[in-house]
Protein backbone atom coordinates (compact mmCIF):
# COMPACT_ATOMS: atom_id res chain seq x y z
CA MET A 1 -7.04 -0.95 67.43
CA ASN A 2 -7.98 -1.18 63.77
CA HIS A 3 -5.40 1.49 63.00
CA LEU A 4 -2.68 -0.45 64.86
CA LEU A 5 -3.62 -3.67 63.05
CA ARG A 6 -3.41 -2.03 59.63
CA ARG A 7 -0.03 -0.57 60.54
CA LEU A 8 1.27 -3.98 61.64
CA LEU A 9 0.09 -5.63 58.41
CA PHE A 10 1.79 -2.93 56.34
CA VAL A 11 5.12 -3.42 58.15
CA LEU A 12 4.96 -7.21 57.78
CA SER A 13 4.13 -7.04 54.06
CA SER A 14 6.99 -4.59 53.46
CA LEU A 15 9.44 -6.92 55.19
CA PHE A 16 8.17 -9.87 53.15
CA LEU A 17 8.49 -8.10 49.80
CA ALA A 18 12.00 -6.93 50.66
CA SER A 19 13.22 -10.36 51.72
CA PRO A 20 15.86 -12.07 49.50
CA GLY A 21 13.58 -15.05 48.89
CA PHE A 22 10.89 -12.97 47.18
CA ALA A 23 11.55 -12.36 43.48
CA GLN A 24 9.46 -9.74 41.75
CA ALA A 25 8.44 -10.42 38.11
CA PRO A 26 10.71 -8.50 35.71
CA ALA A 27 9.16 -5.86 33.50
CA ALA A 28 8.18 -7.20 30.10
CA THR A 29 10.72 -6.38 27.39
CA VAL A 30 9.71 -5.63 23.83
CA PRO A 31 11.78 -7.57 21.25
CA THR A 32 13.57 -5.24 18.84
CA PHE A 33 15.57 -5.26 15.62
CA THR A 34 17.78 -2.75 13.83
CA ASN A 35 18.20 -1.68 10.23
CA PRO A 36 19.59 -2.65 7.82
CA LEU A 37 17.97 -6.08 7.53
CA LEU A 38 20.90 -7.37 5.45
CA PRO A 39 24.36 -5.91 4.81
CA ALA A 40 23.43 -5.21 1.18
CA GLY A 41 20.53 -5.58 -1.22
CA ALA A 42 18.69 -3.13 -3.49
CA ASP A 43 15.04 -3.10 -4.60
CA PRO A 44 13.73 -5.21 -1.69
CA TRP A 45 10.45 -7.09 -2.13
CA SER A 46 8.47 -9.43 0.13
CA ILE A 47 5.20 -11.32 0.13
CA TYR A 48 3.47 -13.07 3.04
CA HIS A 49 1.86 -16.41 2.29
CA GLU A 50 0.58 -19.12 4.64
CA GLY A 51 2.69 -18.11 7.62
CA TYR A 52 5.93 -17.26 5.80
CA TYR A 53 7.51 -14.18 4.30
CA TYR A 54 9.27 -14.70 1.00
CA TYR A 55 11.83 -12.02 0.28
CA THR A 56 14.01 -11.12 -2.71
CA HIS A 57 16.17 -8.26 -3.98
CA THR A 58 18.40 -7.41 -6.91
CA THR A 59 21.53 -9.53 -7.11
CA GLY A 60 22.14 -8.70 -10.78
CA ARG A 61 23.17 -12.25 -11.64
CA ASN A 62 20.28 -14.50 -10.53
CA ILE A 63 17.05 -14.56 -8.52
CA THR A 64 17.45 -15.56 -4.88
CA LEU A 65 14.56 -16.10 -2.46
CA TRP A 66 14.65 -15.95 1.35
CA LYS A 67 12.01 -17.70 3.51
CA THR A 68 11.25 -16.63 7.08
CA LYS A 69 8.50 -16.25 9.66
CA SER A 70 10.09 -13.00 10.89
CA LEU A 71 11.11 -10.49 8.26
CA SER A 72 12.95 -8.45 10.89
CA GLN A 73 15.21 -11.48 11.39
CA LEU A 74 16.13 -11.75 7.71
CA LYS A 75 19.84 -12.09 8.54
CA THR A 76 19.23 -15.61 9.88
CA ALA A 77 16.74 -16.74 7.20
CA PRO A 78 17.63 -19.50 4.75
CA SER A 79 17.94 -18.49 1.11
CA LYS A 80 18.10 -20.27 -2.22
CA VAL A 81 18.96 -19.34 -5.80
CA VAL A 82 15.78 -20.34 -7.62
CA TRP A 83 16.66 -19.12 -11.11
CA THR A 84 19.85 -18.48 -13.02
CA PRO A 85 19.65 -16.72 -16.39
CA PRO A 86 20.79 -18.33 -19.64
CA ALA A 87 24.39 -17.76 -20.67
CA THR A 88 23.35 -15.62 -23.63
CA GLY A 89 20.22 -14.03 -25.02
CA PRO A 90 17.82 -11.16 -24.35
CA ASN A 91 17.33 -11.99 -20.64
CA SER A 92 20.86 -13.13 -19.79
CA ARG A 93 22.30 -10.03 -18.08
CA ASP A 94 21.53 -7.36 -15.47
CA ILE A 95 18.75 -9.14 -13.58
CA TRP A 96 16.99 -6.31 -11.75
CA ALA A 97 14.18 -5.81 -9.25
CA PRO A 98 12.57 -9.28 -9.05
CA GLU A 99 9.11 -9.51 -7.50
CA LEU A 100 7.36 -12.68 -6.33
CA HIS A 101 3.55 -12.81 -6.62
CA TYR A 102 0.99 -15.51 -5.89
CA LEU A 103 -1.72 -15.30 -8.56
CA ARG A 104 -4.47 -17.70 -9.62
CA GLY A 105 -3.00 -20.49 -7.50
CA LYS A 106 0.57 -20.28 -8.84
CA TRP A 107 3.75 -18.37 -8.12
CA TYR A 108 5.10 -15.81 -10.57
CA LEU A 109 8.46 -14.05 -10.61
CA TYR A 110 8.64 -10.78 -12.51
CA TYR A 111 12.06 -9.34 -13.31
CA ALA A 112 13.90 -7.04 -15.70
CA ALA A 113 16.85 -8.24 -17.75
CA ASP A 114 18.83 -7.33 -20.85
CA ALA A 115 21.22 -8.79 -23.41
CA GLY A 116 24.23 -6.91 -22.06
CA THR A 117 23.30 -3.30 -22.82
CA ASN A 118 20.87 -1.10 -20.91
CA GLN A 119 18.94 -0.23 -24.08
CA THR A 120 17.76 -3.86 -24.31
CA HIS A 121 16.19 -4.01 -20.83
CA ARG A 122 12.73 -5.61 -20.87
CA LEU A 123 10.37 -7.40 -18.44
CA TRP A 124 10.16 -11.19 -18.11
CA VAL A 125 8.03 -13.73 -16.22
CA LEU A 126 8.64 -17.12 -14.56
CA GLU A 127 5.93 -19.49 -13.28
CA ASN A 128 5.97 -22.18 -10.57
CA ALA A 129 3.06 -24.40 -9.49
CA SER A 130 4.77 -25.63 -6.29
CA PRO A 131 3.14 -24.60 -2.98
CA ASP A 132 6.59 -23.47 -1.82
CA PRO A 133 8.36 -21.11 -4.28
CA LEU A 134 11.76 -22.32 -3.06
CA GLN A 135 10.82 -25.75 -4.38
CA GLY A 136 9.45 -27.03 -7.70
CA THR A 137 10.36 -25.88 -11.20
CA TRP A 138 10.36 -22.34 -12.53
CA THR A 139 9.06 -22.23 -16.11
CA ASP A 140 9.99 -19.37 -18.42
CA LYS A 141 6.78 -17.67 -19.60
CA GLY A 142 8.72 -15.29 -21.82
CA GLN A 143 8.77 -11.54 -22.20
CA LEU A 144 5.99 -9.41 -20.72
CA THR A 145 5.33 -6.40 -22.93
CA ASP A 146 2.70 -4.17 -24.46
CA ALA A 147 2.53 -3.55 -28.22
CA THR A 148 5.21 -0.82 -28.13
CA ASN A 149 7.90 -3.17 -26.79
CA LYS A 150 9.92 -0.26 -25.40
CA TRP A 151 12.60 -0.27 -22.68
CA ALA A 152 11.04 -1.50 -19.41
CA ILE A 153 12.11 -2.24 -15.83
CA ASP A 154 10.60 -2.54 -12.33
CA GLY A 155 7.45 -4.47 -13.21
CA SER A 156 4.84 -4.99 -10.49
CA VAL A 157 1.39 -6.57 -10.58
CA PHE A 158 -1.74 -5.72 -8.60
CA GLU A 159 -5.44 -6.57 -8.72
CA ASN A 160 -8.35 -4.14 -8.52
CA ASN A 161 -12.01 -5.13 -8.80
CA GLY A 162 -11.09 -8.53 -10.21
CA GLN A 163 -8.79 -7.14 -12.93
CA LEU A 164 -5.03 -7.72 -12.97
CA TYR A 165 -2.78 -4.79 -13.89
CA LEU A 166 0.90 -4.41 -14.70
CA VAL A 167 2.70 -1.22 -13.65
CA TRP A 168 6.31 -0.48 -14.62
CA SER A 169 8.96 2.10 -15.48
CA GLY A 170 9.67 2.66 -19.16
CA TRP A 171 10.78 4.92 -21.96
CA GLU A 172 8.43 6.78 -24.27
CA ASP A 173 10.63 6.03 -27.28
CA ASP A 174 13.97 4.30 -27.80
CA VAL A 175 16.39 6.87 -26.36
CA ASN A 176 17.39 7.19 -22.71
CA GLY A 177 16.64 10.49 -21.03
CA ARG A 178 13.35 10.10 -19.17
CA GLN A 179 11.70 7.21 -17.33
CA ASN A 180 7.91 7.27 -16.91
CA ILE A 181 5.46 5.11 -14.99
CA TYR A 182 3.16 3.06 -17.25
CA LEU A 183 0.08 0.96 -16.55
CA ALA A 184 -1.71 -1.72 -18.58
CA ARG A 185 -4.29 -4.44 -18.06
CA LEU A 186 -3.24 -8.08 -17.96
CA LYS A 187 -5.09 -10.87 -19.73
CA ASN A 188 -3.34 -13.35 -17.44
CA PRO A 189 -0.22 -13.14 -15.24
CA TRP A 190 2.13 -13.27 -18.25
CA THR A 191 0.21 -11.43 -21.01
CA VAL A 192 -0.53 -7.70 -21.41
CA ASP A 193 -4.03 -6.94 -22.69
CA GLY A 194 -4.31 -3.59 -24.46
CA PRO A 195 -2.37 -0.32 -24.66
CA ARG A 196 -0.26 1.23 -21.95
CA LEU A 197 -1.15 4.45 -20.11
CA LYS A 198 1.52 6.90 -18.99
CA VAL A 199 0.50 7.42 -15.36
CA SER A 200 3.40 9.63 -14.26
CA THR A 201 6.31 11.53 -15.75
CA PRO A 202 8.91 13.61 -13.86
CA VAL A 203 7.62 17.19 -13.69
CA PHE A 204 8.57 18.51 -10.24
CA GLY A 205 12.08 19.61 -9.31
CA TRP A 206 12.51 16.88 -6.69
CA GLU A 207 11.81 14.25 -9.41
CA ARG A 208 14.45 15.62 -11.75
CA ASN A 209 17.78 15.23 -9.95
CA GLY A 210 19.62 13.14 -12.49
CA ASP A 211 22.92 14.58 -13.78
CA LEU A 212 25.30 11.88 -14.99
CA ASN A 213 29.01 11.87 -15.72
CA ALA A 214 29.37 8.75 -17.83
CA ALA A 215 30.39 8.53 -21.47
CA ASP A 216 27.85 5.81 -22.27
CA ASN A 217 24.87 7.74 -20.83
CA PRO A 218 23.12 11.03 -21.52
CA PRO A 219 24.31 14.00 -19.44
CA HIS A 220 21.00 14.01 -17.53
CA VAL A 221 18.13 11.56 -16.98
CA ASP A 222 14.77 12.29 -15.32
CA VAL A 223 13.45 9.29 -13.40
CA ASN A 224 10.15 7.84 -12.21
CA GLU A 225 10.59 4.13 -11.37
CA GLY A 226 9.90 1.37 -8.84
CA PRO A 227 6.08 1.69 -8.77
CA GLU A 228 4.16 -0.16 -6.03
CA VAL A 229 0.40 -0.08 -5.42
CA LEU A 230 -1.40 -0.20 -2.07
CA ARG A 231 -5.15 -0.37 -1.55
CA HIS A 232 -6.50 1.45 1.50
CA GLY A 233 -10.21 2.08 1.99
CA ASP A 234 -11.61 3.60 -1.19
CA LYS A 235 -8.19 4.61 -2.58
CA LEU A 236 -5.42 3.05 -4.60
CA VAL A 237 -2.07 4.54 -3.59
CA LEU A 238 0.78 4.24 -6.08
CA ILE A 239 4.17 4.92 -4.51
CA TYR A 240 7.12 5.36 -6.89
CA SER A 241 10.78 6.35 -6.75
CA ALA A 242 11.85 9.67 -8.24
CA SER A 243 15.18 11.20 -9.34
CA GLY A 244 18.23 9.17 -10.25
CA CYS A 245 19.22 6.44 -7.81
CA TRP A 246 22.79 7.63 -8.36
CA THR A 247 21.91 10.84 -6.50
CA ASP A 248 21.30 11.34 -2.78
CA PHE A 249 17.95 12.91 -3.72
CA TYR A 250 16.33 9.60 -4.69
CA ALA A 251 12.93 9.81 -2.95
CA LEU A 252 9.38 8.46 -2.95
CA GLY A 253 6.45 10.15 -4.71
CA MET A 254 2.76 9.29 -4.64
CA LEU A 255 -0.26 9.07 -6.93
CA THR A 256 -3.80 8.17 -5.88
CA ALA A 257 -6.91 6.96 -7.67
CA PRO A 258 -10.41 5.97 -6.47
CA VAL A 259 -10.76 2.18 -6.43
CA GLY A 260 -13.91 2.42 -8.56
CA SER A 261 -12.37 4.59 -11.28
CA ASP A 262 -11.18 3.57 -14.74
CA LEU A 263 -7.48 3.25 -13.96
CA LEU A 264 -6.57 3.61 -17.63
CA GLN A 265 -8.03 7.10 -17.82
CA PRO A 266 -5.37 9.75 -17.07
CA GLY A 267 -7.83 11.83 -15.05
CA SER A 268 -8.25 9.02 -12.52
CA TRP A 269 -4.80 9.61 -11.03
CA THR A 270 -3.81 12.53 -8.79
CA LYS A 271 -0.13 13.25 -8.19
CA SER A 272 1.30 14.62 -4.96
CA PRO A 273 3.37 17.78 -5.59
CA VAL A 274 5.81 16.89 -2.78
CA PRO A 275 7.81 13.75 -1.94
CA VAL A 276 6.37 11.46 0.75
CA PHE A 277 9.69 9.93 1.90
CA GLN A 278 13.19 11.28 1.38
CA GLN A 279 16.77 11.38 2.67
CA ASP A 280 17.59 12.45 6.22
CA PRO A 281 21.31 13.36 6.45
CA ALA A 282 20.99 13.85 10.23
CA ALA A 283 20.01 10.19 10.54
CA LYS A 284 22.68 9.07 8.05
CA VAL A 285 20.09 7.82 5.55
CA PHE A 286 20.62 8.78 1.92
CA ALA A 287 18.72 8.00 -1.30
CA PRO A 288 15.89 5.96 0.27
CA GLY A 289 13.68 4.38 -2.36
CA HIS A 290 12.54 1.45 -4.49
CA ASN A 291 10.21 0.25 -1.79
CA SER A 292 7.59 -2.43 -1.26
CA PHE A 293 5.11 -3.03 1.57
CA PHE A 294 4.18 -5.76 4.03
CA LYS A 295 1.82 -6.38 6.94
CA SER A 296 2.95 -7.56 10.36
CA PRO A 297 2.27 -11.29 10.93
CA ASP A 298 -0.88 -10.52 12.93
CA GLY A 299 -2.13 -8.13 10.23
CA THR A 300 -2.41 -5.10 12.53
CA GLN A 301 0.54 -3.01 11.25
CA ASP A 302 1.66 -1.66 7.90
CA TRP A 303 5.37 -1.61 7.11
CA ILE A 304 7.45 -0.12 4.34
CA LEU A 305 10.47 -2.02 3.00
CA TYR A 306 13.05 0.06 1.12
CA HIS A 307 16.72 0.40 0.35
CA ALA A 308 19.04 3.29 1.25
CA ASN A 309 22.69 4.26 1.66
CA ASP A 310 24.52 5.09 4.90
CA GLU A 311 26.70 7.81 3.40
CA ALA A 312 26.31 10.57 0.84
CA GLY A 313 27.50 9.91 -2.69
CA GLN A 314 27.31 6.10 -2.56
CA GLY A 315 25.05 5.93 -5.62
CA CYS A 316 23.29 2.90 -7.10
CA GLY A 317 25.79 0.21 -6.26
CA ARG A 318 26.67 -2.33 -3.60
CA PHE A 319 26.25 0.04 -0.63
CA ARG A 320 22.45 0.01 -0.78
CA SER A 321 20.86 -2.11 1.94
CA PRO A 322 17.27 -3.13 2.79
CA ARG A 323 15.47 -1.47 5.73
CA ALA A 324 11.98 -1.68 7.24
CA GLN A 325 9.87 0.59 9.43
CA ALA A 326 6.20 0.83 10.38
CA PHE A 327 3.97 3.56 8.96
CA THR A 328 0.50 4.91 9.68
CA TRP A 329 -2.40 6.45 7.76
CA SER A 330 -3.80 9.96 7.81
CA ALA A 331 -7.48 10.73 8.41
CA ASP A 332 -7.99 11.14 4.66
CA GLY A 333 -6.58 7.68 3.91
CA LEU A 334 -3.03 8.53 2.81
CA PRO A 335 0.15 6.84 4.06
CA VAL A 336 2.30 8.69 6.58
CA PHE A 337 5.85 7.34 6.31
CA GLY A 338 7.61 9.89 8.49
CA LYS A 339 11.40 10.06 8.27
CA PRO A 340 13.73 7.14 7.55
CA VAL A 341 15.04 5.57 10.74
CA ALA A 342 18.77 5.75 11.44
CA PRO A 343 20.81 2.55 11.01
CA GLY A 344 21.31 0.77 14.32
CA GLN A 345 18.35 2.40 16.07
CA PRO A 346 16.32 -0.26 17.94
CA LEU A 347 12.79 -0.70 16.59
CA ALA A 348 10.01 -2.87 17.97
CA ARG A 349 9.63 -5.97 15.85
CA PRO A 350 6.48 -6.28 13.70
CA SER A 351 3.47 -7.24 15.81
CA GLY A 352 2.97 -10.98 15.96
CA GLU A 353 6.61 -11.95 15.47
């Protein structure tokens, strides 16, 4: 009897679940996005502050900021030109690689600019006390330089053990031919305090793809540029771009230093002999580089933000577009970026969006 009763209940429940009036809950779908985040934009940078991501990239002619709660949805984010260079002067042309930082209760924009020739490229700083960097007034704090006052681009700022540092790409002397990564202490967000240290110079073959065919340039340039610093556990990780951006071999390299070390001692930094992120022709991703980093809104994921080309031979121009993908960490505390993701491939949106 018990067996017959169980059989009857099973048949009735099956009929009920199969009836047209019973709707089963659909499987949960994971929201996705695809790269690139925008049709074009080199040297992408973002910062998360009080619930919003603020994003910028090189336009060459001004500094534009985007504001969004979802960096993966950058295409629909509002944007605003927050600074236009003067018509003439040492910071009037070639506005490159802006970065927005929130330091000591104010906003700072770091950028490279020149007077119309590459040889005059230097770093500059703007300051804004408004809570929202798309509002308020940006004040020119002038040039940011060490005592050598040599060619400089790609300035970034980070803090370690209460000390602010500036890291950038520069020339040893006054002639183009090799870009190095330099580091110096900051007295405040707009003033260098003390001498610069050469942290990295191109020594490996994968850092030295840089043949040029232009009358106004040397025949070859070795490049280390676009430095960005991450802190993870007891390590500082400095990721930089190597080889000429005009080549398909533009890639990311890495240096590390213990957080408790004297960062201005050359022996504090260890350089990886191999690139940590590079082109993948099979995925149609060429010359990936000049990256920055961000956390997902809920703080549980690490993401890399970088630019790349969709085709070989597209160089340093308007074809570069910003992309994002999550990365992980190895057991010894080093970033694992994997391979660049193909354009158009669906990716789960950052956790918390």
